[in-house]
Amino acid sequence: MLFDLDGTLASTGDDLVHSVNHALEVLKLEKQSKERIISFVGDGVNKLMERALGKDNIKYLEEAMEIFTDYYGRHYLDNSVLNPHVEEVLKKFDNKTKIVLTNKRYNFASKIIKGLKISKYFAEIIGIDSTEFSKPDRRIIEYLLNKYEAAKEQRPSLSAMALMISLLPKIQEY
């Protein structure tokens, strides 16, 4: 079973928003609304910062990334919480192999999973920097199916695989 992190297992948006806005503020750029920043989430932190900076300020990307990474590294659990019913779902499927597959960097994803006290439920945490490809690239799914030796006849269709990544409904806005 594959689980996304941001918005599925945990509500992490506020810490991302504060970290992006901190970087923008340090760079003396206009802060963005929570809704706007949340709309940029999903393709990794580089894309998040690119979108927050906009094409006119892309020249600040490297500096913005350093500021964001430093700040987020100290504040990634200030407001992040487990989404409702997540732990009971994880317990219910205790006999299944469960993997976190996220476009968040592995370092942050593993610290958040550990900080939310759910690491014991997962066989593996895969971040955007863990393999040469990331979701939604289907090769990451094939890699995991092969790694965990899922029988060919038991493998889900591609559409089912996509559904597995965001298994839990988004109860809260990140």
Protein backbone atom coordinates (compact mmCIF):
# COMPACT_ATOMS: atom_id res chain seq x y z
CA MET A 1 0.00 0.00 0.00
CA LEU A 2 1.34 3.39 -1.00
CA PHE A 3 0.58 6.56 0.91
CA ASP A 4 1.32 10.15 0.01
CA LEU A 5 2.44 12.33 2.93
CA ASP A 6 1.28 15.94 2.41
CA GLY A 7 -2.49 16.15 2.65
CA THR A 8 -3.04 12.39 2.89
CA LEU A 9 -1.26 11.16 6.00
CA ALA A 10 -0.67 14.57 7.50
CA SER A 11 -1.77 18.16 7.29
CA THR A 12 1.56 19.89 6.62
CA GLY A 13 0.50 22.96 4.69
CA ASP A 14 0.84 25.59 7.40
CA ASP A 15 4.51 24.79 7.99
CA LEU A 16 5.18 24.86 4.24
CA VAL A 17 3.36 28.20 3.90
CA HIS A 18 5.26 29.77 6.80
CA SER A 19 8.57 28.52 5.40
CA VAL A 20 7.92 29.80 1.87
CA ASN A 21 6.76 33.17 3.19
CA HIS A 22 9.80 33.38 5.47
CA ALA A 23 12.07 32.92 2.43
CA LEU A 24 10.14 35.54 0.46
CA GLU A 25 10.28 37.97 3.39
CA VAL A 26 14.04 37.54 3.84
CA LEU A 27 14.46 38.22 0.12
CA LYS A 28 12.25 41.33 0.53
CA LEU A 29 9.65 39.90 -1.86
CA GLU A 30 5.90 39.95 -1.45
CA LYS A 31 4.45 37.20 0.74
CA GLN A 32 1.88 34.89 -0.82
CA SER A 33 -1.50 33.78 0.52
CA LYS A 34 -1.88 30.35 2.06
CA GLU A 35 -4.24 29.30 -0.72
CA ARG A 36 -1.79 30.35 -3.42
CA ILE A 37 1.18 28.57 -1.84
CA ILE A 38 -0.86 25.41 -1.21
CA SER A 39 -1.79 25.41 -4.90
CA PHE A 40 1.95 25.10 -5.67
CA VAL A 41 2.44 21.98 -3.51
CA GLY A 42 2.89 18.52 -5.00
CA ASP A 43 5.90 18.55 -7.28
CA GLY A 44 8.70 18.97 -4.76
CA VAL A 45 10.22 21.95 -2.99
CA ASN A 46 12.17 23.25 -6.01
CA LYS A 47 8.96 23.63 -8.02
CA LEU A 48 7.21 25.06 -4.95
CA MET A 49 9.82 27.81 -4.61
CA GLU A 50 9.97 28.43 -8.37
CA ARG A 51 6.21 28.99 -8.41
CA ALA A 52 6.27 31.15 -5.27
CA LEU A 53 9.03 33.34 -6.69
CA GLY A 54 7.43 33.69 -10.11
CA LYS A 55 9.33 34.13 -13.35
CA ASP A 56 10.39 37.70 -12.51
CA ASN A 57 12.24 36.58 -9.38
CA ILE A 58 13.55 33.18 -10.47
CA LYS A 59 17.08 34.58 -10.18
CA TYR A 60 16.66 34.24 -6.39
CA LEU A 61 15.86 30.51 -6.53
CA GLU A 62 19.15 29.21 -5.12
CA GLU A 63 19.11 31.69 -2.24
CA ALA A 64 15.40 31.10 -1.61
CA MET A 65 16.01 27.35 -1.44
CA GLU A 66 18.75 27.80 1.15
CA ILE A 67 16.56 30.08 3.28
CA PHE A 68 13.54 27.78 2.94
CA THR A 69 15.53 24.62 3.76
CA ASP A 70 17.13 26.16 6.83
CA TYR A 71 13.84 27.52 8.17
CA TYR A 72 11.73 24.47 7.31
CA GLY A 73 14.37 22.24 8.89
CA ARG A 74 13.64 23.95 12.21
CA HIS A 75 9.86 24.33 11.82
CA TYR A 76 8.52 21.30 9.88
CA LEU A 77 6.47 20.08 12.87
CA ASP A 78 5.30 23.40 14.33
CA ASN A 79 1.77 22.97 12.95
CA SER A 80 1.86 19.66 11.05
CA VAL A 81 -0.53 17.06 12.42
CA LEU A 82 -1.70 13.60 11.53
CA ASN A 83 -4.95 13.70 9.59
CA PRO A 84 -8.03 12.25 11.31
CA HIS A 85 -8.37 8.44 11.25
CA VAL A 86 -4.93 7.88 9.69
CA GLU A 87 -3.60 5.81 12.56
CA GLU A 88 -6.68 3.60 12.69
CA VAL A 89 -6.38 2.95 8.93
CA LEU A 90 -2.70 2.08 9.34
CA LYS A 91 -3.52 -0.28 12.22
CA LYS A 92 -6.34 -1.90 10.25
CA PHE A 93 -3.90 -2.81 7.49
CA ASP A 94 -1.11 -3.79 9.86
CA ASN A 95 -0.50 -7.04 7.96
CA LYS A 96 0.13 -5.19 4.66
CA THR A 97 3.38 -3.69 3.47
CA LYS A 98 2.98 0.07 3.58
CA ILE A 99 5.23 2.65 1.95
CA VAL A 100 5.25 6.44 2.04
CA LEU A 101 5.77 7.77 -1.47
CA THR A 102 6.13 11.54 -1.49
CA ASN A 103 7.59 14.36 -3.54
CA LYS A 104 8.94 15.84 -0.31
CA ARG A 105 12.66 15.38 0.28
CA TYR A 106 13.45 12.14 2.11
CA ASN A 107 15.14 13.93 5.01
CA PHE A 108 12.04 15.98 5.80
CA ALA A 109 9.57 13.18 5.07
CA SER A 110 11.29 10.74 7.42
CA LYS A 111 11.54 13.33 10.20
CA ILE A 112 7.85 14.22 9.87
CA ILE A 113 6.79 10.55 9.86
CA LYS A 114 8.94 9.93 12.93
CA GLY A 115 7.74 13.12 14.64
CA LEU A 116 4.11 12.13 14.09
CA LYS A 117 4.92 8.72 15.63
CA ILE A 118 3.81 6.59 12.69
CA SER A 119 7.15 5.33 11.35
CA LYS A 120 6.51 1.87 12.83
CA TYR A 121 3.76 1.31 10.25
CA PHE A 122 5.96 1.76 7.18
CA ALA A 123 8.44 -0.56 5.52
CA GLU A 124 9.97 2.33 3.62
CA ILE A 125 9.79 6.07 3.05
CA ILE A 126 10.61 7.25 -0.44
CA GLY A 127 11.18 10.95 -1.05
CA ILE A 128 11.67 12.85 -4.27
CA ASP A 129 15.42 12.43 -3.85
CA SER A 130 15.37 8.69 -2.99
CA THR A 131 15.31 7.27 -6.53
CA GLU A 132 16.04 8.51 -10.02
CA PHE A 133 12.31 8.98 -10.71
CA SER A 134 9.42 10.24 -8.64
CA LYS A 135 5.66 10.21 -8.71
CA PRO A 136 3.70 10.38 -10.88
CA ASP A 137 6.27 8.57 -13.07
CA ARG A 138 4.99 4.99 -13.31
CA ARG A 139 8.55 3.63 -13.10
CA ILE A 140 8.58 4.32 -9.35
CA ILE A 141 5.52 2.07 -9.00
CA GLU A 142 7.15 -0.67 -11.10
CA TYR A 143 10.32 -0.35 -9.01
CA LEU A 144 8.34 -0.83 -5.79
CA LEU A 145 6.28 -3.72 -7.15
CA ASN A 146 9.50 -5.48 -8.16
CA LYS A 147 11.29 -4.64 -4.93
CA TYR A 148 8.49 -5.99 -2.79
CA GLU A 149 7.96 -8.93 -5.17
CA ALA A 150 4.30 -8.36 -5.93
CA ALA A 151 3.14 -11.21 -8.13
CA LYS A 152 2.36 -10.08 -11.70
CA GLU A 153 -1.20 -11.41 -11.50
CA GLN A 154 -1.80 -9.51 -8.24
CA ARG A 155 -0.54 -6.18 -9.51
CA PRO A 156 -3.14 -3.46 -9.78
CA SER A 157 -3.94 -1.68 -13.00
CA LEU A 158 -2.24 1.66 -13.63
CA SER A 159 -5.41 3.53 -12.66
CA ALA A 160 -5.61 1.60 -9.38
CA MET A 161 -1.96 2.37 -8.69
CA ALA A 162 -2.64 6.08 -9.03
CA LEU A 163 -5.51 5.81 -6.58
CA MET A 164 -3.33 4.03 -4.05
CA ILE A 165 -0.95 6.96 -3.79
CA SER A 166 -3.64 9.21 -2.32
CA LEU A 167 -5.66 6.52 -0.61
CA LEU A 168 -7.16 8.63 2.16
CA PRO A 169 -9.55 11.46 1.29
CA LYS A 170 -8.23 14.94 1.88
CA ILE A 171 -10.15 15.74 5.02
CA GLN A 172 -8.30 18.99 5.55
CA GLU A 173 -6.61 21.38 3.22
CA TYR A 174 -3.00 20.16 3.65
